[in-house]
Amino acid sequence: MQRTAFKNATGDGVVQGIVASKEAASKLLVETGAKMRDLMKRGRHTAEGVVNEAAYKIKHSPFGSVGAAFAVGTLAGVLTGLLISRNGKR
């Protein structure tokens, strides 16, 4: 019986083990690939939901959305300016 070592990256961390045959290793890879595909689908659906929710909020309160974007941009600019001026004094 041939023994093959493998490393399997899972959501819980890295699992190390020994597989008794190449068929078992390939089965494990197929299962892991299926789990990764499902995670990718779920992530894509979540991202689409976020985009749709943002579009809905922008449609129903455009002035609030513009105000929020202005506030975030102003805050980012002020913080960037402070960090640049602080680093220049050293």
N, C-alpha and C. Protein backbone atom coordinates (compact mmCIF):
# COMPACT_ATOMS: atom_id res chain seq x y z
N MET A 1 0.85 -1.17 0.00
CA MET A 1 0.00 0.00 0.00
C MET A 1 0.90 1.24 0.00
N GLN A 2 0.65 2.15 -0.92
CA GLN A 2 1.42 3.37 -1.03
C GLN A 2 0.79 4.43 -0.14
N ARG A 3 1.63 5.16 0.60
CA ARG A 3 1.13 6.21 1.48
C ARG A 3 1.60 7.55 0.94
N THR A 4 0.67 8.48 0.86
CA THR A 4 0.97 9.79 0.32
C THR A 4 0.70 10.85 1.39
N ALA A 5 1.65 11.73 1.62
CA ALA A 5 1.47 12.81 2.58
C ALA A 5 0.78 13.98 1.87
N PHE A 6 -0.03 14.74 2.60
CA PHE A 6 -0.72 15.89 2.01
C PHE A 6 -0.88 16.96 3.06
N LYS A 7 -1.14 18.16 2.59
CA LYS A 7 -1.52 19.28 3.45
C LYS A 7 -2.85 19.79 2.92
N ASN A 8 -3.79 20.01 3.80
CA ASN A 8 -5.11 20.46 3.40
C ASN A 8 -5.43 21.75 4.15
N ALA A 9 -5.62 22.84 3.42
CA ALA A 9 -5.98 24.12 4.04
C ALA A 9 -7.49 24.16 4.19
N THR A 10 -7.96 24.28 5.42
CA THR A 10 -9.40 24.36 5.67
C THR A 10 -9.70 25.69 6.33
N GLY A 11 -10.98 25.95 6.57
CA GLY A 11 -11.37 27.19 7.23
C GLY A 11 -10.87 27.26 8.66
N ASP A 12 -10.61 26.11 9.30
CA ASP A 12 -10.17 26.08 10.69
C ASP A 12 -8.66 26.20 10.83
N GLY A 13 -7.93 26.12 9.77
CA GLY A 13 -6.48 26.17 9.84
C GLY A 13 -5.90 25.16 8.88
N VAL A 14 -4.67 24.78 9.10
CA VAL A 14 -4.01 23.82 8.23
C VAL A 14 -4.01 22.47 8.92
N VAL A 15 -4.50 21.46 8.21
CA VAL A 15 -4.57 20.11 8.74
C VAL A 15 -3.54 19.28 8.00
N GLN A 16 -2.73 18.53 8.72
CA GLN A 16 -1.75 17.66 8.10
C GLN A 16 -2.14 16.23 8.41
N GLY A 17 -1.91 15.33 7.45
CA GLY A 17 -2.24 13.94 7.67
C GLY A 17 -1.63 13.05 6.61
N ILE A 18 -1.96 11.78 6.68
CA ILE A 18 -1.46 10.81 5.71
C ILE A 18 -2.64 10.11 5.08
N VAL A 19 -2.62 10.00 3.77
CA VAL A 19 -3.69 9.35 3.02
C VAL A 19 -3.17 8.01 2.55
N ALA A 20 -4.02 6.98 2.61
CA ALA A 20 -3.58 5.63 2.29
C ALA A 20 -3.44 5.41 0.79
N SER A 21 -4.12 6.16 -0.03
CA SER A 21 -4.03 5.93 -1.47
C SER A 21 -4.22 7.24 -2.23
N LYS A 22 -3.85 7.22 -3.49
CA LYS A 22 -4.02 8.41 -4.33
C LYS A 22 -5.50 8.68 -4.57
N GLU A 23 -6.32 7.63 -4.58
CA GLU A 23 -7.76 7.83 -4.78
C GLU A 23 -8.35 8.62 -3.62
N ALA A 24 -7.92 8.29 -2.42
CA ALA A 24 -8.43 9.02 -1.25
C ALA A 24 -7.96 10.47 -1.29
N ALA A 25 -6.73 10.70 -1.72
CA ALA A 25 -6.21 12.06 -1.82
C ALA A 25 -7.00 12.85 -2.85
N SER A 26 -7.28 12.23 -3.99
CA SER A 26 -8.04 12.94 -5.03
C SER A 26 -9.47 13.21 -4.57
N LYS A 27 -10.07 12.27 -3.83
CA LYS A 27 -11.41 12.48 -3.30
C LYS A 27 -11.42 13.66 -2.33
N LEU A 28 -10.39 13.73 -1.50
CA LEU A 28 -10.28 14.83 -0.56
C LEU A 28 -10.14 16.16 -1.30
N LEU A 29 -9.35 16.19 -2.36
CA LEU A 29 -9.19 17.41 -3.14
C LEU A 29 -10.48 17.83 -3.82
N VAL A 30 -11.24 16.87 -4.31
CA VAL A 30 -12.53 17.18 -4.96
C VAL A 30 -13.49 17.76 -3.94
N GLU A 31 -13.54 17.17 -2.74
CA GLU A 31 -14.43 17.67 -1.69
C GLU A 31 -14.03 19.08 -1.26
N THR A 32 -12.73 19.29 -1.13
CA THR A 32 -12.24 20.62 -0.75
C THR A 32 -12.57 21.64 -1.84
N GLY A 33 -12.41 21.23 -3.10
CA GLY A 33 -12.75 22.11 -4.21
C GLY A 33 -14.23 22.47 -4.22
N ALA A 34 -15.08 21.50 -3.90
CA ALA A 34 -16.52 21.75 -3.85
C ALA A 34 -16.86 22.73 -2.73
N LYS A 35 -16.20 22.58 -1.58
CA LYS A 35 -16.43 23.50 -0.47
C LYS A 35 -15.98 24.91 -0.84
N MET A 36 -14.84 25.01 -1.50
CA MET A 36 -14.34 26.33 -1.92
C MET A 36 -15.28 26.97 -2.94
N ARG A 37 -15.82 26.18 -3.86
CA ARG A 37 -16.75 26.70 -4.85
C ARG A 37 -18.01 27.23 -4.16
N ASP A 38 -18.50 26.49 -3.15
CA ASP A 38 -19.68 26.95 -2.41
C ASP A 38 -19.40 28.24 -1.65
N LEU A 39 -18.21 28.34 -1.06
CA LEU A 39 -17.84 29.56 -0.35
C LEU A 39 -17.74 30.75 -1.31
N MET A 40 -17.21 30.50 -2.50
CA MET A 40 -17.11 31.57 -3.49
C MET A 40 -18.50 32.03 -3.94
N LYS A 41 -19.42 31.09 -4.13
CA LYS A 41 -20.79 31.45 -4.51
C LYS A 41 -21.44 32.29 -3.42
N ARG A 42 -21.27 31.85 -2.16
CA ARG A 42 -21.88 32.57 -1.05
C ARG A 42 -21.30 33.98 -0.94
N GLY A 43 -20.00 34.10 -1.14
CA GLY A 43 -19.37 35.42 -1.09
C GLY A 43 -19.85 36.32 -2.21
N ARG A 44 -20.01 35.75 -3.42
CA ARG A 44 -20.49 36.54 -4.55
C ARG A 44 -21.92 37.02 -4.29
N HIS A 45 -22.77 36.14 -3.76
CA HIS A 45 -24.15 36.53 -3.48
C HIS A 45 -24.20 37.62 -2.39
N THR A 46 -23.33 37.51 -1.40
CA THR A 46 -23.28 38.53 -0.36
C THR A 46 -22.85 39.87 -0.93
N ALA A 47 -21.83 39.86 -1.79
CA ALA A 47 -21.36 41.09 -2.41
C ALA A 47 -22.45 41.71 -3.28
N GLU A 48 -23.18 40.88 -4.03
CA GLU A 48 -24.28 41.39 -4.85
C GLU A 48 -25.36 42.01 -3.99
N GLY A 49 -25.63 41.40 -2.84
CA GLY A 49 -26.62 41.95 -1.92
C GLY A 49 -26.20 43.30 -1.37
N VAL A 50 -24.91 43.44 -1.06
CA VAL A 50 -24.41 44.72 -0.56
C VAL A 50 -24.54 45.80 -1.63
N VAL A 51 -24.18 45.46 -2.86
CA VAL A 51 -24.29 46.42 -3.95
C VAL A 51 -25.75 46.82 -4.18
N ASN A 52 -26.64 45.86 -4.17
CA ASN A 52 -28.07 46.16 -4.36
C ASN A 52 -28.61 47.03 -3.23
N GLU A 53 -28.20 46.75 -2.00
CA GLU A 53 -28.65 47.55 -0.86
C GLU A 53 -28.13 48.98 -0.96
N ALA A 54 -26.88 49.14 -1.38
CA ALA A 54 -26.32 50.48 -1.54
C ALA A 54 -27.06 51.24 -2.64
N ALA A 55 -27.35 50.57 -3.74
CA ALA A 55 -28.08 51.22 -4.84
C ALA A 55 -29.47 51.66 -4.37
N TYR A 56 -30.12 50.83 -3.57
CA TYR A 56 -31.45 51.16 -3.04
C TYR A 56 -31.38 52.40 -2.15
N LYS A 57 -30.39 52.42 -1.26
CA LYS A 57 -30.28 53.56 -0.34
C LYS A 57 -29.94 54.84 -1.09
N ILE A 58 -29.09 54.75 -2.11
CA ILE A 58 -28.74 55.94 -2.89
C ILE A 58 -29.95 56.45 -3.65
N LYS A 59 -30.77 55.53 -4.18
CA LYS A 59 -31.97 55.94 -4.92
C LYS A 59 -32.97 56.66 -4.03
N HIS A 60 -33.13 56.16 -2.80
CA HIS A 60 -34.17 56.70 -1.94
C HIS A 60 -33.73 57.89 -1.11
N SER A 61 -32.43 58.12 -0.96
CA SER A 61 -31.96 59.33 -0.26
C SER A 61 -30.65 59.79 -0.89
N PRO A 62 -30.75 60.39 -2.08
CA PRO A 62 -29.52 60.78 -2.78
C PRO A 62 -28.73 61.86 -2.07
N PHE A 63 -29.40 62.82 -1.42
CA PHE A 63 -28.67 63.89 -0.75
C PHE A 63 -27.92 63.38 0.47
N GLY A 64 -28.51 62.46 1.19
CA GLY A 64 -27.82 61.86 2.33
C GLY A 64 -26.61 61.06 1.89
N SER A 65 -26.73 60.39 0.77
CA SER A 65 -25.61 59.61 0.24
C SER A 65 -24.47 60.51 -0.19
N VAL A 66 -24.79 61.61 -0.86
CA VAL A 66 -23.76 62.57 -1.28
C VAL A 66 -23.11 63.20 -0.05
N GLY A 67 -23.91 63.54 0.96
CA GLY A 67 -23.38 64.11 2.19
C GLY A 67 -22.45 63.14 2.91
N ALA A 68 -22.83 61.88 2.97
CA ALA A 68 -21.98 60.88 3.62
C ALA A 68 -20.68 60.70 2.86
N ALA A 69 -20.74 60.67 1.54
CA ALA A 69 -19.53 60.53 0.73
C ALA A 69 -18.63 61.75 0.92
N PHE A 70 -19.21 62.95 0.99
CA PHE A 70 -18.44 64.16 1.22
C PHE A 70 -17.76 64.12 2.59
N ALA A 71 -18.49 63.69 3.60
CA ALA A 71 -17.94 63.63 4.96
C ALA A 71 -16.78 62.63 5.04
N VAL A 72 -16.95 61.47 4.43
CA VAL A 72 -15.89 60.46 4.45
C VAL A 72 -14.67 60.96 3.69
N GLY A 73 -14.87 61.58 2.55
CA GLY A 73 -13.76 62.11 1.77
C GLY A 73 -13.02 63.21 2.51
N THR A 74 -13.77 64.10 3.17
CA THR A 74 -13.15 65.18 3.93
C THR A 74 -12.34 64.62 5.09
N LEU A 75 -12.91 63.67 5.80
CA LEU A 75 -12.20 63.04 6.93
C LEU A 75 -10.93 62.35 6.46
N ALA A 76 -11.02 61.62 5.36
CA ALA A 76 -9.83 60.94 4.82
C ALA A 76 -8.77 61.96 4.41
N GLY A 77 -9.17 63.07 3.81
CA GLY A 77 -8.22 64.11 3.42
C GLY A 77 -7.55 64.76 4.61
N VAL A 78 -8.32 65.06 5.64
CA VAL A 78 -7.76 65.68 6.84
C VAL A 78 -6.77 64.74 7.52
N LEU A 79 -7.16 63.48 7.67
CA LEU A 79 -6.26 62.51 8.30
C LEU A 79 -4.99 62.30 7.49
N THR A 80 -5.12 62.25 6.17
CA THR A 80 -3.93 62.10 5.31
C THR A 80 -3.04 63.31 5.45
N GLY A 81 -3.59 64.51 5.46
CA GLY A 81 -2.81 65.73 5.64
C GLY A 81 -2.09 65.75 6.98
N LEU A 82 -2.78 65.35 8.04
CA LEU A 82 -2.15 65.30 9.36
C LEU A 82 -1.00 64.30 9.39
N LEU A 83 -1.20 63.14 8.81
CA LEU A 83 -0.14 62.13 8.80
C LEU A 83 1.07 62.58 7.99
N ILE A 84 0.82 63.22 6.86
CA ILE A 84 1.93 63.70 6.03
C ILE A 84 2.71 64.80 6.75
N SER A 85 2.00 65.75 7.36
CA SER A 85 2.70 66.83 8.05
C SER A 85 3.42 66.32 9.30
N ARG A 86 2.89 65.32 9.93
CA ARG A 86 3.51 64.73 11.13
C ARG A 86 4.79 64.01 10.76
N ASN A 87 4.78 63.27 9.66
CA ASN A 87 5.97 62.53 9.23
C ASN A 87 7.06 63.47 8.72
N GLY A 88 6.69 64.64 8.22
CA GLY A 88 7.67 65.59 7.71
C GLY A 88 8.46 66.28 8.80
N LYS A 89 7.95 66.31 10.03
CA LYS A 89 8.60 67.00 11.14
C LYS A 89 9.68 66.16 11.82
N ARG A 90 9.79 64.90 11.51
CA ARG A 90 10.77 64.03 12.17
C ARG A 90 12.13 64.27 11.72
